[in-house]
């Protein structure tokens, strides 16, 4: 529950900060964040596939 409250607080701060930035800057920063998340997703999928092929489990309960 505390994690959810903290996440909403951070989201509120980021949205508030974006309201003061010019639209082109907001779009560029949003695109950079999107690319960073896409790279992270691709790397995580590759890591999980590699660990499942070798038979090693890297996470608890997986």
PDB file of N, CA and C in Angstrom:
ATOM      1  N   UNK A   1       0.823  -1.198   0.000  1.00  0.00           N
ATOM      2  CA  UNK A   1       0.000   0.000   0.000  1.00  0.00           C
ATOM      3  C   UNK A   1       0.862   1.254   0.000  1.00  0.00           C
ATOM      4  N   UNK A   2       1.941   1.221   0.790  1.00  0.00           N
ATOM      5  CA  UNK A   2       2.829   2.382   0.830  1.00  0.00           C
ATOM      6  C   UNK A   2       3.476   2.581  -0.535  1.00  0.00           C
ATOM      7  N   UNK A   3       3.802   1.468  -1.213  1.00  0.00           N
ATOM      8  CA  UNK A   3       4.391   1.575  -2.550  1.00  0.00           C
ATOM      9  C   UNK A   3       3.428   2.276  -3.506  1.00  0.00           C
ATOM     10  N   UNK A   4       2.154   1.940  -3.425  1.00  0.00           N
ATOM     11  CA  UNK A   4       1.153   2.569  -4.286  1.00  0.00           C
ATOM     12  C   UNK A   4       1.051   4.068  -4.012  1.00  0.00           C
ATOM     13  N   UNK A   5       1.053   4.445  -2.745  1.00  0.00           N
ATOM     14  CA  UNK A   5       0.989   5.867  -2.389  1.00  0.00           C
ATOM     15  C   UNK A   5       2.221   6.598  -2.896  1.00  0.00           C
ATOM     16  N   UNK A   6       3.394   5.989  -2.733  1.00  0.00           N
ATOM     17  CA  UNK A   6       4.632   6.602  -3.210  1.00  0.00           C
ATOM     18  C   UNK A   6       4.616   6.738  -4.732  1.00  0.00           C
ATOM     19  N   UNK A   7       4.128   5.714  -5.427  1.00  0.00           N
ATOM     20  CA  UNK A   7       4.070   5.769  -6.892  1.00  0.00           C
ATOM     21  C   UNK A   7       3.129   6.875  -7.352  1.00  0.00           C
ATOM     22  N   UNK A   8       1.998   7.014  -6.699  1.00  0.00           N
ATOM     23  CA  UNK A   8       1.065   8.087  -7.065  1.00  0.00           C
ATOM     24  C   UNK A   8       1.652   9.458  -6.764  1.00  0.00           C
ATOM     25  N   UNK A   9       2.388   9.581  -5.675  1.00  0.00           N
ATOM     26  CA  UNK A   9       3.042  10.844  -5.342  1.00  0.00           C
ATOM     27  C   UNK A   9       4.070  11.222  -6.404  1.00  0.00           C
ATOM     28  N   UNK A  10       4.889  10.251  -6.800  1.00  0.00           N
ATOM     29  CA  UNK A  10       5.896  10.510  -7.839  1.00  0.00           C
ATOM     30  C   UNK A  10       5.213  10.857  -9.160  1.00  0.00           C
ATOM     31  N   UNK A  11       4.151  10.153  -9.500  1.00  0.00           N
ATOM     32  CA  UNK A  11       3.414  10.451 -10.726  1.00  0.00           C
ATOM     33  C   UNK A  11       2.869  11.872 -10.691  1.00  0.00           C
ATOM     34  N   UNK A  12       2.326  12.280  -9.559  1.00  0.00           N
ATOM     35  CA  UNK A  12       1.816  13.637  -9.426  1.00  0.00           C
ATOM     36  C   UNK A  12       2.892  14.688  -9.595  1.00  0.00           C
ATOM     37  N   UNK A  13       4.065  14.424  -9.044  1.00  0.00           N
ATOM     38  CA  UNK A  13       5.179  15.370  -9.185  1.00  0.00           C
ATOM     39  C   UNK A  13       5.613  15.459 -10.640  1.00  0.00           C
ATOM     40  N   UNK A  14       5.721  14.317 -11.314  1.00  0.00           N
ATOM     41  CA  UNK A  14       6.147  14.319 -12.714  1.00  0.00           C
ATOM     42  C   UNK A  14       5.126  15.011 -13.619  1.00  0.00           C
ATOM     43  N   UNK A  15       3.862  14.753 -13.396  1.00  0.00           N
ATOM     44  CA  UNK A  15       2.828  15.388 -14.214  1.00  0.00           C
ATOM     45  C   UNK A  15       2.807  16.885 -13.942  1.00  0.00           C
ATOM     46  N   UNK A  16       2.987  17.271 -12.695  1.00  0.00           N
ATOM     47  CA  UNK A  16       3.041  18.689 -12.350  1.00  0.00           C
ATOM     48  C   UNK A  16       4.230  19.381 -12.995  1.00  0.00           C
ATOM     49  N   UNK A  17       5.373  18.696 -13.015  1.00  0.00           N
ATOM     50  CA  UNK A  17       6.562  19.276 -13.648  1.00  0.00           C
ATOM     51  C   UNK A  17       6.365  19.388 -15.156  1.00  0.00           C
ATOM     52  N   UNK A  18       5.712  18.409 -15.754  1.00  0.00           N
ATOM     53  CA  UNK A  18       5.483  18.442 -17.199  1.00  0.00           C
ATOM     54  C   UNK A  18       4.553  19.583 -17.586  1.00  0.00           C
ATOM     55  N   UNK A  19       3.699  20.009 -16.682  1.00  0.00           N
ATOM     56  CA  UNK A  19       2.773  21.096 -16.989  1.00  0.00           C
ATOM     57  C   UNK A  19       3.510  22.420 -17.182  1.00  0.00           C
ATOM     58  N   UNK A  20       4.695  22.544 -16.608  1.00  0.00           N
ATOM     59  CA  UNK A  20       5.456  23.790 -16.715  1.00  0.00           C
ATOM     60  C   UNK A  20       6.473  23.769 -17.845  1.00  0.00           C
ATOM     61  N   UNK A  21       6.674  22.631 -18.453  1.00  0.00           N
ATOM     62  CA  UNK A  21       7.625  22.524 -19.556  1.00  0.00           C
ATOM     63  C   UNK A  21       6.922  22.807 -20.877  1.00  0.00           C
ATOM     64  N   UNK A  22       7.652  23.352 -21.846  1.00  0.00           N
ATOM     65  CA  UNK A  22       7.057  23.519 -23.171  1.00  0.00           C
ATOM     66  C   UNK A  22       6.711  22.156 -23.785  1.00  0.00           C
ATOM     67  N   UNK A  23       5.700  22.122 -24.628  1.00  0.00           N
ATOM     68  CA  UNK A  23       5.239  20.871 -25.219  1.00  0.00           C
ATOM     69  C   UNK A  23       6.338  20.107 -25.951  1.00  0.00           C
ATOM     70  N   UNK A  24       7.184  20.743 -26.783  1.00  0.00           N
ATOM     71  CA  UNK A  24       8.234  19.969 -27.467  1.00  0.00           C
ATOM     72  C   UNK A  24       9.198  19.282 -26.488  1.00  0.00           C
ATOM     73  N   UNK A  25       9.531  19.959 -25.399  1.00  0.00           N
ATOM     74  CA  UNK A  25      10.433  19.366 -24.408  1.00  0.00           C
ATOM     75  C   UNK A  25       9.758  18.172 -23.738  1.00  0.00           C
ATOM     76  N   UNK A  26       8.484  18.323 -23.412  1.00  0.00           N
ATOM     77  CA  UNK A  26       7.729  17.239 -22.797  1.00  0.00           C
ATOM     78  C   UNK A  26       7.666  16.032 -23.727  1.00  0.00           C
ATOM     79  N   UNK A  27       7.430  16.268 -25.004  1.00  0.00           N
ATOM     80  CA  UNK A  27       7.355  15.167 -25.964  1.00  0.00           C
ATOM     81  C   UNK A  27       8.698  14.466 -26.134  1.00  0.00           C
ATOM     82  N   UNK A  28       9.784  15.230 -26.176  1.00  0.00           N
ATOM     83  CA  UNK A  28      11.113  14.632 -26.308  1.00  0.00           C
ATOM     84  C   UNK A  28      11.434  13.791 -25.075  1.00  0.00           C
ATOM     85  N   UNK A  29      11.173  14.327 -23.891  1.00  0.00           N
ATOM     86  CA  UNK A  29      11.449  13.570 -22.670  1.00  0.00           C
ATOM     87  C   UNK A  29      10.559  12.332 -22.569  1.00  0.00           C
ATOM     88  N   UNK A  30       9.315  12.455 -22.971  1.00  0.00           N
ATOM     89  CA  UNK A  30       8.416  11.302 -22.975  1.00  0.00           C
ATOM     90  C   UNK A  30       8.891  10.224 -23.931  1.00  0.00           C
ATOM     91  N   UNK A  31       9.393  10.636 -25.081  1.00  0.00           N
ATOM     92  CA  UNK A  31       9.927   9.683 -26.056  1.00  0.00           C
ATOM     93  C   UNK A  31      11.164   8.980 -25.519  1.00  0.00           C
ATOM     94  N   UNK A  32      12.030   9.739 -24.839  1.00  0.00           N
ATOM     95  CA  UNK A  32      13.228   9.134 -24.254  1.00  0.00           C
ATOM     96  C   UNK A  32      12.857   8.105 -23.184  1.00  0.00           C
ATOM     97  N   UNK A  33      11.882   8.423 -22.367  1.00  0.00           N
ATOM     98  CA  UNK A  33      11.432   7.480 -21.343  1.00  0.00           C
ATOM     99  C   UNK A  33      10.840   6.236 -21.999  1.00  0.00           C
ATOM    100  N   UNK A  34      10.057   6.436 -23.045  1.00  0.00           N
ATOM    101  CA  UNK A  34       9.460   5.304 -23.760  1.00  0.00           C
ATOM    102  C   UNK A  34      10.534   4.394 -24.345  1.00  0.00           C
ATOM    103  N   UNK A  35      11.560   4.982 -24.951  1.00  0.00           N
ATOM    104  CA  UNK A  35      12.651   4.184 -25.516  1.00  0.00           C
ATOM    105  C   UNK A  35      13.406   3.425 -24.425  1.00  0.00           C
ATOM    106  N   UNK A  36      13.644   4.088 -23.298  1.00  0.00           N
ATOM    107  CA  UNK A  36      14.335   3.448 -22.187  1.00  0.00           C
ATOM    108  C   UNK A  36      13.532   2.248 -21.683  1.00  0.00           C
ATOM    109  N   UNK A  37      12.230   2.406 -21.548  1.00  0.00           N
ATOM    110  CA  UNK A  37      11.389   1.294 -21.105  1.00  0.00           C
ATOM    111  C   UNK A  37      11.352   0.165 -22.137  1.00  0.00           C
ATOM    112  N   UNK A  38      11.364   0.509 -23.411  1.00  0.00           N
ATOM    113  CA  UNK A  38      11.362  -0.518 -24.458  1.00  0.00           C
ATOM    114  C   UNK A  38      12.666  -1.323 -24.422  1.00  0.00           C
ATOM    115  N   UNK A  39      13.794  -0.646 -24.264  1.00  0.00           N
ATOM    116  CA  UNK A  39      15.082  -1.338 -24.185  1.00  0.00           C
ATOM    117  C   UNK A  39      15.119  -2.228 -22.950  1.00  0.00           C
ATOM    118  N   UNK A  40      14.633  -1.722 -21.833  1.00  0.00           N
ATOM    119  CA  UNK A  40      14.595  -2.511 -20.609  1.00  0.00           C
ATOM    120  C   UNK A  40      13.745  -3.762 -20.787  1.00  0.00           C
ATOM    121  N   UNK A  41      12.593  -3.615 -21.434  1.00  0.00           N
ATOM    122  CA  UNK A  41      11.697  -4.750 -21.658  1.00  0.00           C
ATOM    123  C   UNK A  41      12.361  -5.803 -22.531  1.00  0.00           C
ATOM    124  N   UNK A  42      12.997  -5.384 -23.604  1.00  0.00           N
ATOM    125  CA  UNK A  42      13.658  -6.329 -24.511  1.00  0.00           C
ATOM    126  C   UNK A  42      14.786  -7.055 -23.779  1.00  0.00           C
ATOM    127  N   UNK A  43      15.564  -6.335 -22.979  1.00  0.00           N
ATOM    128  CA  UNK A  43      16.658  -6.969 -22.243  1.00  0.00           C
ATOM    129  C   UNK A  43      16.143  -7.959 -21.207  1.00  0.00           C
ATOM    130  N   UNK A  44      15.075  -7.610 -20.509  1.00  0.00           N
ATOM    131  CA  UNK A  44      14.512  -8.512 -19.507  1.00  0.00           C
ATOM    132  C   UNK A  44      13.937  -9.769 -20.151  1.00  0.00           C
ATOM    133  N   UNK A  45      13.251  -9.613 -21.269  1.00  0.00           N
ATOM    134  CA  UNK A  45      12.711 -10.789 -21.960  1.00  0.00           C
ATOM    135  C   UNK A  45      13.834 -11.703 -22.414  1.00  0.00           C
ATOM    136  N   UNK A  46      14.894 -11.103 -22.945  1.00  0.00           N
ATOM    137  CA  UNK A  46      16.038 -11.910 -23.376  1.00  0.00           C
ATOM    138  C   UNK A  46      16.694 -12.628 -22.218  1.00  0.00           C
ATOM    139  N   UNK A  47      16.808 -11.959 -21.088  1.00  0.00           N
ATOM    140  CA  UNK A  47      17.423 -12.565 -19.910  1.00  0.00           C
ATOM    141  C   UNK A  47      16.557 -13.698 -19.374  1.00  0.00           C
ATOM    142  N   UNK A  48      15.258 -13.506 -19.350  1.00  0.00           N
ATOM    143  CA  UNK A  48      14.362 -14.555 -18.841  1.00  0.00           C
ATOM    144  C   UNK A  48      14.330 -15.755 -19.784  1.00  0.00           C
ATOM    145  N   UNK A  49      14.361 -15.503 -21.068  1.00  0.00           N
ATOM    146  CA  UNK A  49      14.379 -16.624 -22.015  1.00  0.00           C
ATOM    147  C   UNK A  49      15.671 -17.405 -21.890  1.00  0.00           C
ATOM    148  N   UNK A  50      16.784 -16.692 -21.717  1.00  0.00           N
ATOM    149  CA  UNK A  50      18.076 -17.367 -21.586  1.00  0.00           C
ATOM    150  C   UNK A  50      18.127 -18.196 -20.315  1.00  0.00           C
ATOM    151  N   UNK A  51      17.568 -17.678 -19.232  1.00  0.00           N
ATOM    152  CA  UNK A  51      17.600 -18.433 -17.979  1.00  0.00           C
ATOM    153  C   UNK A  51      16.643 -19.619 -18.028  1.00  0.00           C
ATOM    154  N   UNK A  52      15.540 -19.507 -18.765  1.00  0.00           N
ATOM    155  CA  UNK A  52      14.620 -20.639 -18.859  1.00  0.00           C
ATOM    156  C   UNK A  52      15.201 -21.735 -19.759  1.00  0.00           C
ATOM    157  N   UNK A  53      16.018 -21.371 -20.722  1.00  0.00           N
ATOM    158  CA  UNK A  53      16.648 -22.373 -21.581  1.00  0.00           C
ATOM    159  C   UNK A  53      17.706 -23.165 -20.829  1.00  0.00           C
ATOM    160  N   UNK A  54      18.404 -22.513 -19.916  1.00  0.00           N
ATOM    161  CA  UNK A  54      19.449 -23.206 -19.170  1.00  0.00           C
ATOM    162  C   UNK A  54      18.889 -23.942 -17.970  1.00  0.00           C
ATOM    163  N   UNK A  55      17.634 -23.682 -17.622  1.00  0.00           N
ATOM    164  CA  UNK A  55      17.004 -24.376 -16.520  1.00  0.00           C
ATOM    165  C   UNK A  55      17.212 -23.716 -15.177  1.00  0.00           C
ATOM    166  N   UNK A  56      17.889 -22.580 -15.147  1.00  0.00           N
ATOM    167  CA  UNK A  56      18.100 -21.878 -13.896  1.00  0.00           C
ATOM    168  C   UNK A  56      16.963 -20.917 -13.638  1.00  0.00           C
ATOM    169  N   UNK A  57      16.525 -20.870 -12.410  1.00  0.00           N
ATOM    170  CA  UNK A  57      15.489 -19.920 -12.022  1.00  0.00           C
ATOM    171  C   UNK A  57      16.162 -18.780 -11.267  1.00  0.00           C
ATOM    172  N   UNK A  58      15.898 -17.568 -11.710  1.00  0.00           N
ATOM    173  CA  UNK A  58      16.554 -16.425 -11.088  1.00  0.00           C
ATOM    174  C   UNK A  58      15.637 -15.695 -10.119  1.00  0.00           C
ATOM    175  N   UNK A  59      14.353 -16.020 -10.117  1.00  0.00           N
ATOM    176  CA  UNK A  59      13.427 -15.333  -9.234  1.00  0.00           C
ATOM    177  C   UNK A  59      12.800 -16.321  -8.273  1.00  0.00           C
ATOM    178  N   UNK A  60      12.437 -15.844  -7.109  1.00  0.00           N
ATOM    179  CA  UNK A  60      11.772 -16.709  -6.140  1.00  0.00           C
ATOM    180  C   UNK A  60      10.425 -17.126  -6.653  1.00  0.00           C
ATOM    181  N   UNK A  61      10.124 -18.363  -6.530  1.00  0.00           N
ATOM    182  CA  UNK A  61       8.816 -18.864  -6.897  1.00  0.00           C
ATOM    183  C   UNK A  61       8.555 -19.000  -8.385  1.00  0.00           C
ATOM    184  N   UNK A  62       9.546 -18.720  -9.194  1.00  0.00           N
ATOM    185  CA  UNK A  62       9.340 -18.814 -10.643  1.00  0.00           C
ATOM    186  C   UNK A  62       9.610 -20.213 -11.129  1.00  0.00           C
TER     187      UNK A  62
END
